[in-house]
PDB file of N, CA and C in Angstrom:
ATOM      1  N   MET A   1      -7.527 -18.747  17.999  1.00  0.00           N
ATOM      2  CA  MET A   1      -7.365 -17.759  16.954  1.00  0.00           C
ATOM      3  C   MET A   1      -8.449 -17.982  15.909  1.00  0.00           C
ATOM      4  N   ALA A   2      -8.836 -16.891  15.259  1.00  0.00           N
ATOM      5  CA  ALA A   2      -9.862 -16.945  14.228  1.00  0.00           C
ATOM      6  C   ALA A   2      -9.336 -16.297  12.958  1.00  0.00           C
ATOM      7  N   VAL A   3      -9.975 -16.644  11.857  1.00  0.00           N
ATOM      8  CA  VAL A   3      -9.673 -16.047  10.558  1.00  0.00           C
ATOM      9  C   VAL A   3     -10.962 -15.406  10.066  1.00  0.00           C
ATOM     10  N   MET A   4     -10.867 -14.138   9.654  1.00  0.00           N
ATOM     11  CA  MET A   4     -12.041 -13.402   9.185  1.00  0.00           C
ATOM     12  C   MET A   4     -11.808 -12.917   7.765  1.00  0.00           C
ATOM     13  N   GLU A   5     -12.829 -13.104   6.946  1.00  0.00           N
ATOM     14  CA  GLU A   5     -12.838 -12.520   5.608  1.00  0.00           C
ATOM     15  C   GLU A   5     -13.842 -11.380   5.649  1.00  0.00           C
ATOM     16  N   ILE A   6     -13.429 -10.209   5.178  1.00  0.00           N
ATOM     17  CA  ILE A   6     -14.326  -9.058   5.197  1.00  0.00           C
ATOM     18  C   ILE A   6     -14.281  -8.361   3.846  1.00  0.00           C
ATOM     19  N   SER A   7     -15.456  -7.992   3.378  1.00  0.00           N
ATOM     20  CA  SER A   7     -15.597  -7.272   2.123  1.00  0.00           C
ATOM     21  C   SER A   7     -16.488  -6.072   2.379  1.00  0.00           C
ATOM     22  N   VAL A   8     -16.023  -4.894   1.993  1.00  0.00           N
ATOM     23  CA  VAL A   8     -16.759  -3.660   2.209  1.00  0.00           C
ATOM     24  C   VAL A   8     -17.104  -3.064   0.843  1.00  0.00           C
ATOM     25  N   VAL A   9     -18.386  -2.764   0.654  1.00  0.00           N
ATOM     26  CA  VAL A   9     -18.829  -2.190  -0.612  1.00  0.00           C
ATOM     27  C   VAL A   9     -19.537  -0.865  -0.327  1.00  0.00           C
ATOM     28  N   PRO A  10     -18.849   0.252  -0.591  1.00  0.00           N
ATOM     29  CA  PRO A  10     -19.496   1.556  -0.443  1.00  0.00           C
ATOM     30  C   PRO A  10     -20.511   1.766  -1.568  1.00  0.00           C
ATOM     31  N   VAL A  11     -21.662   2.316  -1.229  1.00  0.00           N
ATOM     32  CA  VAL A  11     -22.719   2.589  -2.194  1.00  0.00           C
ATOM     33  C   VAL A  11     -23.092   4.060  -2.051  1.00  0.00           C
ATOM     34  N   GLY A  12     -23.530   4.666  -3.128  1.00  0.00           N
ATOM     35  CA  GLY A  12     -23.927   6.065  -3.058  1.00  0.00           C
ATOM     36  C   GLY A  12     -22.735   6.995  -3.057  1.00  0.00           C
ATOM     37  N   THR A  13     -21.694   6.589  -3.791  1.00  0.00           N
ATOM     38  CA  THR A  13     -20.481   7.418  -3.847  1.00  0.00           C
ATOM     39  C   THR A  13     -20.482   8.347  -5.052  1.00  0.00           C
ATOM     40  N   GLY A  14     -21.416   8.124  -5.994  1.00  0.00           N
ATOM     41  CA  GLY A  14     -21.453   8.940  -7.199  1.00  0.00           C
ATOM     42  C   GLY A  14     -20.477   8.467  -8.263  1.00  0.00           C
ATOM     43  N   ASN A  15     -19.781   7.356  -8.011  1.00  0.00           N
ATOM     44  CA  ASN A  15     -18.781   6.842  -8.943  1.00  0.00           C
ATOM     45  C   ASN A  15     -18.807   5.313  -8.852  1.00  0.00           C
ATOM     46  N   PRO A  16     -18.790   4.624  -9.986  1.00  0.00           N
ATOM     47  CA  PRO A  16     -18.796   3.161  -9.921  1.00  0.00           C
ATOM     48  C   PRO A  16     -17.489   2.576  -9.379  1.00  0.00           C
ATOM     49  N   CYS A  17     -16.402   3.332  -9.429  1.00  0.00           N
ATOM     50  CA  CYS A  17     -15.121   2.879  -8.882  1.00  0.00           C
ATOM     51  C   CYS A  17     -15.091   3.193  -7.388  1.00  0.00           C
ATOM     52  N   VAL A  18     -14.900   2.166  -6.567  1.00  0.00           N
ATOM     53  CA  VAL A  18     -14.915   2.355  -5.116  1.00  0.00           C
ATOM     54  C   VAL A  18     -13.548   2.111  -4.485  1.00  0.00           C
ATOM     55  N   SER A  19     -12.506   1.955  -5.298  1.00  0.00           N
ATOM     56  CA  SER A  19     -11.183   1.612  -4.756  1.00  0.00           C
ATOM     57  C   SER A  19     -10.672   2.651  -3.763  1.00  0.00           C
ATOM     58  N   GLU A  20     -10.998   3.917  -3.967  1.00  0.00           N
ATOM     59  CA  GLU A  20     -10.566   4.958  -3.023  1.00  0.00           C
ATOM     60  C   GLU A  20     -11.127   4.692  -1.633  1.00  0.00           C
ATOM     61  N   PHE A  21     -12.386   4.303  -1.569  1.00  0.00           N
ATOM     62  CA  PHE A  21     -13.043   4.029  -0.293  1.00  0.00           C
ATOM     63  C   PHE A  21     -12.519   2.741   0.334  1.00  0.00           C
ATOM     64  N   VAL A  22     -12.349   1.718  -0.493  1.00  0.00           N
ATOM     65  CA  VAL A  22     -11.888   0.430   0.005  1.00  0.00           C
ATOM     66  C   VAL A  22     -10.446   0.530   0.499  1.00  0.00           C
ATOM     67  N   SER A  23      -9.603   1.241  -0.247  1.00  0.00           N
ATOM     68  CA  SER A  23      -8.200   1.375   0.177  1.00  0.00           C
ATOM     69  C   SER A  23      -8.100   2.169   1.479  1.00  0.00           C
ATOM     70  N   TYR A  24      -8.989   3.102   1.683  1.00  0.00           N
ATOM     71  CA  TYR A  24      -9.004   3.871   2.930  1.00  0.00           C
ATOM     72  C   TYR A  24      -9.328   2.950   4.109  1.00  0.00           C
ATOM     73  N   ALA A  25     -10.266   2.038   3.919  1.00  0.00           N
ATOM     74  CA  ALA A  25     -10.598   1.067   4.966  1.00  0.00           C
ATOM     75  C   ALA A  25      -9.440   0.092   5.182  1.00  0.00           C
ATOM     76  N   TYR A  26      -8.817  -0.310   4.089  1.00  0.00           N
ATOM     77  CA  TYR A  26      -7.682  -1.249   4.123  1.00  0.00           C
ATOM     78  C   TYR A  26      -6.522  -0.708   4.963  1.00  0.00           C
ATOM     79  N   LYS A  27      -6.340   0.598   4.944  1.00  0.00           N
ATOM     80  CA  LYS A  27      -5.218   1.217   5.669  1.00  0.00           C
ATOM     81  C   LYS A  27      -5.275   0.967   7.174  1.00  0.00           C
ATOM     82  N   ILE A  28      -6.460   0.714   7.711  1.00  0.00           N
ATOM     83  CA  ILE A  28      -6.588   0.390   9.131  1.00  0.00           C
ATOM     84  C   ILE A  28      -5.734  -0.832   9.459  1.00  0.00           C
ATOM     85  N   LEU A  29      -5.784  -1.836   8.595  1.00  0.00           N
ATOM     86  CA  LEU A  29      -5.031  -3.073   8.825  1.00  0.00           C
ATOM     87  C   LEU A  29      -3.538  -2.799   8.887  1.00  0.00           C
ATOM     88  N   LYS A  30      -3.046  -1.974   7.995  1.00  0.00           N
ATOM     89  CA  LYS A  30      -1.630  -1.635   7.982  1.00  0.00           C
ATOM     90  C   LYS A  30      -1.265  -0.781   9.200  1.00  0.00           C
ATOM     91  N   GLU A  31      -2.094   0.203   9.494  1.00  0.00           N
ATOM     92  CA  GLU A  31      -1.837   1.109  10.613  1.00  0.00           C
ATOM     93  C   GLU A  31      -1.766   0.366  11.941  1.00  0.00           C
ATOM     94  N   GLU A  32      -2.606  -0.658  12.093  1.00  0.00           N
ATOM     95  CA  GLU A  32      -2.694  -1.366  13.368  1.00  0.00           C
ATOM     96  C   GLU A  32      -1.875  -2.651  13.397  1.00  0.00           C
ATOM     97  N   GLY A  33      -1.137  -2.939  12.310  1.00  0.00           N
ATOM     98  CA  GLY A  33      -0.185  -4.045  12.299  1.00  0.00           C
ATOM     99  C   GLY A  33      -0.781  -5.437  12.231  1.00  0.00           C
ATOM    100  N   TYR A  34      -1.944  -5.581  11.604  1.00  0.00           N
ATOM    101  CA  TYR A  34      -2.571  -6.895  11.485  1.00  0.00           C
ATOM    102  C   TYR A  34      -1.859  -7.767  10.459  1.00  0.00           C
ATOM    103  N   ASN A  35      -1.906  -9.075  10.669  1.00  0.00           N
ATOM    104  CA  ASN A  35      -1.452 -10.052   9.684  1.00  0.00           C
ATOM    105  C   ASN A  35      -2.648 -10.313   8.778  1.00  0.00           C
ATOM    106  N   PHE A  36      -2.544  -9.933   7.497  1.00  0.00           N
ATOM    107  CA  PHE A  36      -3.692 -10.037   6.608  1.00  0.00           C
ATOM    108  C   PHE A  36      -3.249 -10.351   5.192  1.00  0.00           C
ATOM    109  N   GLN A  37      -4.219 -10.774   4.383  1.00  0.00           N
ATOM    110  CA  GLN A  37      -4.016 -11.029   2.962  1.00  0.00           C
ATOM    111  C   GLN A  37      -5.077 -10.259   2.193  1.00  0.00           C
ATOM    112  N   LEU A  38      -4.632  -9.452   1.263  1.00  0.00           N
ATOM    113  CA  LEU A  38      -5.540  -8.721   0.391  1.00  0.00           C
ATOM    114  C   LEU A  38      -5.941  -9.643  -0.757  1.00  0.00           C
ATOM    115  N   THR A  39      -7.226  -9.697  -1.067  1.00  0.00           N
ATOM    116  CA  THR A  39      -7.717 -10.479  -2.197  1.00  0.00           C
ATOM    117  C   THR A  39      -8.446  -9.537  -3.148  1.00  0.00           C
ATOM    118  N   ALA A  40      -8.831 -10.044  -4.290  1.00  0.00           N
ATOM    119  CA  ALA A  40      -9.537  -9.223  -5.271  1.00  0.00           C
ATOM    120  C   ALA A  40     -10.918  -8.786  -4.780  1.00  0.00           C
ATOM    121  N   MET A  41     -11.472  -9.514  -3.822  1.00  0.00           N
ATOM    122  CA  MET A  41     -12.835  -9.238  -3.379  1.00  0.00           C
ATOM    123  C   MET A  41     -12.946  -8.853  -1.906  1.00  0.00           C
ATOM    124  N   GLY A  42     -11.820  -8.709  -1.221  1.00  0.00           N
ATOM    125  CA  GLY A  42     -11.860  -8.369   0.191  1.00  0.00           C
ATOM    126  C   GLY A  42     -10.517  -8.570   0.843  1.00  0.00           C
ATOM    127  N   VAL A  43     -10.548  -8.776   2.142  1.00  0.00           N
ATOM    128  CA  VAL A  43      -9.341  -8.961   2.939  1.00  0.00           C
ATOM    129  C   VAL A  43      -9.576 -10.123   3.889  1.00  0.00           C
ATOM    130  N   ILE A  44      -8.525 -10.903   4.116  1.00  0.00           N
ATOM    131  CA  ILE A  44      -8.554 -11.970   5.105  1.00  0.00           C
ATOM    132  C   ILE A  44      -7.577 -11.576   6.200  1.00  0.00           C
ATOM    133  N   VAL A  45      -8.019 -11.662   7.435  1.00  0.00           N
ATOM    134  CA  VAL A  45      -7.199 -11.239   8.568  1.00  0.00           C
ATOM    135  C   VAL A  45      -7.378 -12.244   9.699  1.00  0.00           C
ATOM    136  N   GLN A  46      -6.350 -12.411  10.499  1.00  0.00           N
ATOM    137  CA  GLN A  46      -6.445 -13.359  11.607  1.00  0.00           C
ATOM    138  C   GLN A  46      -6.223 -12.659  12.931  1.00  0.00           C
ATOM    139  N   GLY A  47      -6.812 -13.238  13.979  1.00  0.00           N
ATOM    140  CA  GLY A  47      -6.668 -12.683  15.317  1.00  0.00           C
ATOM    141  C   GLY A  47      -7.708 -13.262  16.259  1.00  0.00           C
ATOM    142  N   ASP A  48      -7.788 -12.701  17.429  1.00  0.00           N
ATOM    143  CA  ASP A  48      -8.778 -13.070  18.425  1.00  0.00           C
ATOM    144  C   ASP A  48     -10.161 -12.659  17.915  1.00  0.00           C
ATOM    145  N   VAL A  49     -11.162 -13.495  18.085  1.00  0.00           N
ATOM    146  CA  VAL A  49     -12.475 -13.235  17.493  1.00  0.00           C
ATOM    147  C   VAL A  49     -13.096 -11.929  17.994  1.00  0.00           C
ATOM    148  N   GLU A  50     -12.937 -11.611  19.263  1.00  0.00           N
ATOM    149  CA  GLU A  50     -13.499 -10.355  19.774  1.00  0.00           C
ATOM    150  C   GLU A  50     -12.798  -9.157  19.131  1.00  0.00           C
ATOM    151  N   GLU A  51     -11.487  -9.270  18.967  1.00  0.00           N
ATOM    152  CA  GLU A  51     -10.710  -8.213  18.325  1.00  0.00           C
ATOM    153  C   GLU A  51     -11.121  -8.067  16.858  1.00  0.00           C
ATOM    154  N   LEU A  52     -11.355  -9.187  16.200  1.00  0.00           N
ATOM    155  CA  LEU A  52     -11.757  -9.143  14.793  1.00  0.00           C
ATOM    156  C   LEU A  52     -13.125  -8.498  14.619  1.00  0.00           C
ATOM    157  N   MET A  53     -14.030  -8.746  15.542  1.00  0.00           N
ATOM    158  CA  MET A  53     -15.352  -8.121  15.464  1.00  0.00           C
ATOM    159  C   MET A  53     -15.254  -6.603  15.613  1.00  0.00           C
ATOM    160  N   ALA A  54     -14.409  -6.152  16.529  1.00  0.00           N
ATOM    161  CA  ALA A  54     -14.192  -4.711  16.696  1.00  0.00           C
ATOM    162  C   ALA A  54     -13.532  -4.128  15.446  1.00  0.00           C
ATOM    163  N   LEU A  55     -12.591  -4.862  14.871  1.00  0.00           N
ATOM    164  CA  LEU A  55     -11.929  -4.433  13.652  1.00  0.00           C
ATOM    165  C   LEU A  55     -12.934  -4.331  12.510  1.00  0.00           C
ATOM    166  N   ALA A  56     -13.827  -5.291  12.396  1.00  0.00           N
ATOM    167  CA  ALA A  56     -14.840  -5.272  11.341  1.00  0.00           C
ATOM    168  C   ALA A  56     -15.693  -4.015  11.434  1.00  0.00           C
ATOM    169  N   LEU A  57     -16.037  -3.619  12.634  1.00  0.00           N
ATOM    170  CA  LEU A  57     -16.829  -2.395  12.813  1.00  0.00           C
ATOM    171  C   LEU A  57     -16.043  -1.168  12.360  1.00  0.00           C
ATOM    172  N   LYS A  58     -14.767  -1.098  12.708  1.00  0.00           N
ATOM    173  CA  LYS A  58     -13.924   0.024  12.262  1.00  0.00           C
ATOM    174  C   LYS A  58     -13.850   0.077  10.738  1.00  0.00           C
ATOM    175  N   ILE A  59     -13.634  -1.086  10.129  1.00  0.00           N
ATOM    176  CA  ILE A  59     -13.522  -1.151   8.673  1.00  0.00           C
ATOM    177  C   ILE A  59     -14.847  -0.758   8.021  1.00  0.00           C
ATOM    178  N   HIS A  60     -15.940  -1.217   8.591  1.00  0.00           N
ATOM    179  CA  HIS A  60     -17.265  -0.893   8.064  1.00  0.00           C
ATOM    180  C   HIS A  60     -17.525   0.615   8.100  1.00  0.00           C
ATOM    181  N   LYS A  61     -17.126   1.274   9.163  1.00  0.00           N
ATOM    182  CA  LYS A  61     -17.395   2.705   9.332  1.00  0.00           C
ATOM    183  C   LYS A  61     -16.493   3.590   8.472  1.00  0.00           C
ATOM    184  N   ARG A  62     -15.347   3.084   8.076  1.00  0.00           N
ATOM    185  CA  ARG A  62     -14.339   3.909   7.412  1.00  0.00           C
ATOM    186  C   ARG A  62     -14.825   4.572   6.115  1.00  0.00           C
ATOM    187  N   PRO A  63     -15.539   3.887   5.225  1.00  0.00           N
ATOM    188  CA  PRO A  63     -15.991   4.562   4.006  1.00  0.00           C
ATOM    189  C   PRO A  63     -16.932   5.740   4.265  1.00  0.00           C
ATOM    190  N   PHE A  64     -17.677   5.708   5.368  1.00  0.00           N
ATOM    191  CA  PHE A  64     -18.536   6.832   5.706  1.00  0.00           C
ATOM    192  C   PHE A  64     -17.702   8.093   5.946  1.00  0.00           C
ATOM    193  N   GLU A  65     -16.508   7.927   6.487  1.00  0.00           N
ATOM    194  CA  GLU A  65     -15.609   9.063   6.727  1.00  0.00           C
ATOM    195  C   GLU A  65     -15.179   9.727   5.421  1.00  0.00           C
ATOM    196  N   LYS A  66     -15.194   8.958   4.325  1.00  0.00           N
ATOM    197  CA  LYS A  66     -14.817   9.480   3.010  1.00  0.00           C
ATOM    198  C   LYS A  66     -16.029   9.955   2.209  1.00  0.00           C
ATOM    199  N   GLY A  67     -17.222   9.881   2.820  1.00  0.00           N
ATOM    200  CA  GLY A  67     -18.410  10.418   2.161  1.00  0.00           C
ATOM    201  C   GLY A  67     -19.368   9.402   1.572  1.00  0.00           C
ATOM    202  N   ALA A  68     -19.130   8.118   1.742  1.00  0.00           N
ATOM    203  CA  ALA A  68     -20.084   7.124   1.261  1.00  0.00           C
ATOM    204  C   ALA A  68     -21.408   7.307   1.991  1.00  0.00           C
ATOM    205  N   LEU A  69     -22.491   7.144   1.273  1.00  0.00           N
ATOM    206  CA  LEU A  69     -23.812   7.306   1.867  1.00  0.00           C
ATOM    207  C   LEU A  69     -24.384   5.995   2.388  1.00  0.00           C
ATOM    208  N   ARG A  70     -23.825   4.888   1.895  1.00  0.00           N
ATOM    209  CA  ARG A  70     -24.286   3.563   2.310  1.00  0.00           C
ATOM    210  C   ARG A  70     -23.101   2.615   2.201  1.00  0.00           C
ATOM    211  N   VAL A  71     -23.006   1.678   3.131  1.00  0.00           N
ATOM    212  CA  VAL A  71     -21.918   0.701   3.118  1.00  0.00           C
ATOM    213  C   VAL A  71     -22.509  -0.679   3.395  1.00  0.00           C
ATOM    214  N   MET A  72     -22.206  -1.612   2.496  1.00  0.00           N
ATOM    215  CA  MET A  72     -22.627  -2.999   2.701  1.00  0.00           C
ATOM    216  C   MET A  72     -21.379  -3.809   3.010  1.00  0.00           C
ATOM    217  N   THR A  73     -21.363  -4.464   4.157  1.00  0.00           N
ATOM    218  CA  THR A  73     -20.203  -5.227   4.613  1.00  0.00           C
ATOM    219  C   THR A  73     -20.593  -6.685   4.792  1.00  0.00           C
ATOM    220  N   THR A  74     -19.743  -7.545   4.254  1.00  0.00           N
ATOM    221  CA  THR A  74     -19.928  -8.981   4.408  1.00  0.00           C
ATOM    222  C   THR A  74     -18.758  -9.522   5.216  1.00  0.00           C
ATOM    223  N   ILE A  75     -19.071 -10.309   6.252  1.00  0.00           N
ATOM    224  CA  ILE A  75     -18.044 -10.862   7.135  1.00  0.00           C
ATOM    225  C   ILE A  75     -18.257 -12.368   7.241  1.00  0.00           C
ATOM    226  N   ARG A  76     -17.170 -13.108   7.111  1.00  0.00           N
ATOM    227  CA  ARG A  76     -17.185 -14.550   7.390  1.00  0.00           C
ATOM    228  C   ARG A  76     -16.072 -14.820   8.383  1.00  0.00           C
ATOM    229  N   ILE A  77     -16.380 -15.565   9.427  1.00  0.00           N
ATOM    230  CA  ILE A  77     -15.405 -15.867  10.464  1.00  0.00           C
ATOM    231  C   ILE A  77     -15.291 -17.376  10.624  1.00  0.00           C
ATOM    232  N   ASP A  78     -14.055 -17.843  10.646  1.00  0.00           N
ATOM    233  CA  ASP A  78     -13.763 -19.258  10.907  1.00  0.00           C
ATOM    234  C   ASP A  78     -12.962 -19.292  12.202  1.00  0.00           C
ATOM    235  N   GLU A  79     -13.572 -19.853  13.243  1.00  0.00           N
ATOM    236  CA  GLU A  79     -12.896 -19.943  14.542  1.00  0.00           C
ATOM    237  C   GLU A  79     -12.848 -21.399  14.970  1.00  0.00           C
ATOM    238  N   ARG A  80     -11.660 -21.866  15.263  1.00  0.00           N
ATOM    239  CA  ARG A  80     -11.491 -23.215  15.807  1.00  0.00           C
ATOM    240  C   ARG A  80     -10.874 -23.093  17.188  1.00  0.00           C
ATOM    241  N   ARG A  81     -11.300 -23.954  18.073  1.00  0.00           N
ATOM    242  CA  ARG A  81     -10.757 -23.934  19.426  1.00  0.00           C
ATOM    243  C   ARG A  81      -9.948 -25.178  19.735  1.00  0.00           C
ATOM    244  N   ASP A  82      -9.885 -26.102  18.776  1.00  0.00           N
ATOM    245  CA  ASP A  82      -9.123 -27.324  18.996  1.00  0.00           C
ATOM    246  C   ASP A  82      -7.696 -27.231  18.440  1.00  0.00           C
ATOM    247  N   VAL A  83      -7.440 -26.288  17.539  1.00  0.00           N
ATOM    248  CA  VAL A  83      -6.101 -26.080  16.976  1.00  0.00           C
ATOM    249  C   VAL A  83      -5.867 -24.581  16.811  1.00  0.00           C
ATOM    250  N   ASN A  84      -4.597 -24.212  16.655  1.00  0.00           N
ATOM    251  CA  ASN A  84      -4.253 -22.819  16.402  1.00  0.00           C
ATOM    252  C   ASN A  84      -4.452 -22.547  14.912  1.00  0.00           C
ATOM    253  N   LEU A  85      -5.548 -21.920  14.579  1.00  0.00           N
ATOM    254  CA  LEU A  85      -5.934 -21.667  13.200  1.00  0.00           C
ATOM    255  C   LEU A  85      -5.256 -20.407  12.678  1.00  0.00           C
ATOM    256  N   THR A  86      -4.612 -20.521  11.521  1.00  0.00           N
ATOM    257  CA  THR A  86      -4.028 -19.358  10.860  1.00  0.00           C
ATOM    258  C   THR A  86      -4.365 -19.399   9.379  1.00  0.00           C
ATOM    259  N   MET A  87      -4.230 -18.264   8.723  1.00  0.00           N
ATOM    260  CA  MET A  87      -4.469 -18.195   7.281  1.00  0.00           C
ATOM    261  C   MET A  87      -3.518 -19.121   6.546  1.00  0.00           C
ATOM    262  N   ASP A  88      -2.247 -19.087   6.927  1.00  0.00           N
ATOM    263  CA  ASP A  88      -1.234 -19.897   6.250  1.00  0.00           C
ATOM    264  C   ASP A  88      -1.502 -21.390   6.399  1.00  0.00           C
ATOM    265  N   LYS A  89      -1.905 -21.802   7.593  1.00  0.00           N
ATOM    266  CA  LYS A  89      -2.199 -23.220   7.816  1.00  0.00           C
ATOM    267  C   LYS A  89      -3.393 -23.676   6.987  1.00  0.00           C
ATOM    268  N   LYS A  90      -4.399 -22.808   6.856  1.00  0.00           N
ATOM    269  CA  LYS A  90      -5.574 -23.166   6.058  1.00  0.00           C
ATOM    270  C   LYS A  90      -5.181 -23.365   4.593  1.00  0.00           C
ATOM    271  N   VAL A  91      -4.384 -22.473   4.066  1.00  0.00           N
ATOM    272  CA  VAL A  91      -3.952 -22.568   2.666  1.00  0.00           C
ATOM    273  C   VAL A  91      -3.044 -23.780   2.467  1.00  0.00           C
ATOM    274  N   LYS A  92      -2.125 -23.988   3.414  1.00  0.00           N
ATOM    275  CA  LYS A  92      -1.205 -25.131   3.307  1.00  0.00           C
ATOM    276  C   LYS A  92      -1.983 -26.441   3.292  1.00  0.00           C
ATOM    277  N   LYS A  93      -2.973 -26.562   4.162  1.00  0.00           N
ATOM    278  CA  LYS A  93      -3.768 -27.787   4.234  1.00  0.00           C
ATOM    279  C   LYS A  93      -4.526 -28.009   2.920  1.00  0.00           C
ATOM    280  N   LEU A  94      -5.064 -26.956   2.366  1.00  0.00           N
ATOM    281  CA  LEU A  94      -5.777 -27.066   1.094  1.00  0.00           C
ATOM    282  C   LEU A  94      -4.833 -27.538  -0.008  1.00  0.00           C
ATOM    283  N   LYS A  95      -3.660 -26.929  -0.083  1.00  0.00           N
ATOM    284  CA  LYS A  95      -2.683 -27.298  -1.119  1.00  0.00           C
ATOM    285  C   LYS A  95      -2.230 -28.748  -0.986  1.00  0.00           C
ATOM    286  N   GLU A  96      -2.131 -29.235   0.238  1.00  0.00           N
ATOM    287  CA  GLU A  96      -1.757 -30.629   0.469  1.00  0.00           C
ATOM    288  C   GLU A  96      -2.799 -31.579  -0.103  1.00  0.00           C
ATOM    289  N   ASN A  97      -4.034 -31.162  -0.122  1.00  0.00           N
ATOM    290  CA  ASN A  97      -5.123 -32.005  -0.606  1.00  0.00           C
ATOM    291  C   ASN A  97      -5.394 -31.858  -2.099  1.00  0.00           C
ATOM    292  N   LEU A  98      -4.686 -30.989  -2.767  1.00  0.00           N
ATOM    293  CA  LEU A  98      -4.891 -30.807  -4.213  1.00  0.00           C
ATOM    294  C   LEU A  98      -4.197 -31.893  -5.003  1.00  0.00           C
TER     295      LEU A  98
END
């Protein structure tokens, strides 16, 4: 299992507020039943790495459907093959070390 952090920034929307575009992309996660965490700067989601890459492409394309002229997407993926990696386990481990 892998954990992916994705941040989508629509550009060329004519408005400095992009929440309409970002929330439209976010709805994919809800529609498709992903286990995810919304953050102030993006979304963290877990799943199979190939599935996450396909999901990232869907999320990246979504603001264009709402009229964005440019979209900048940042993706970070953490994949471990020696343990079952989850968002909750990563946070729990961090808290244990605080």
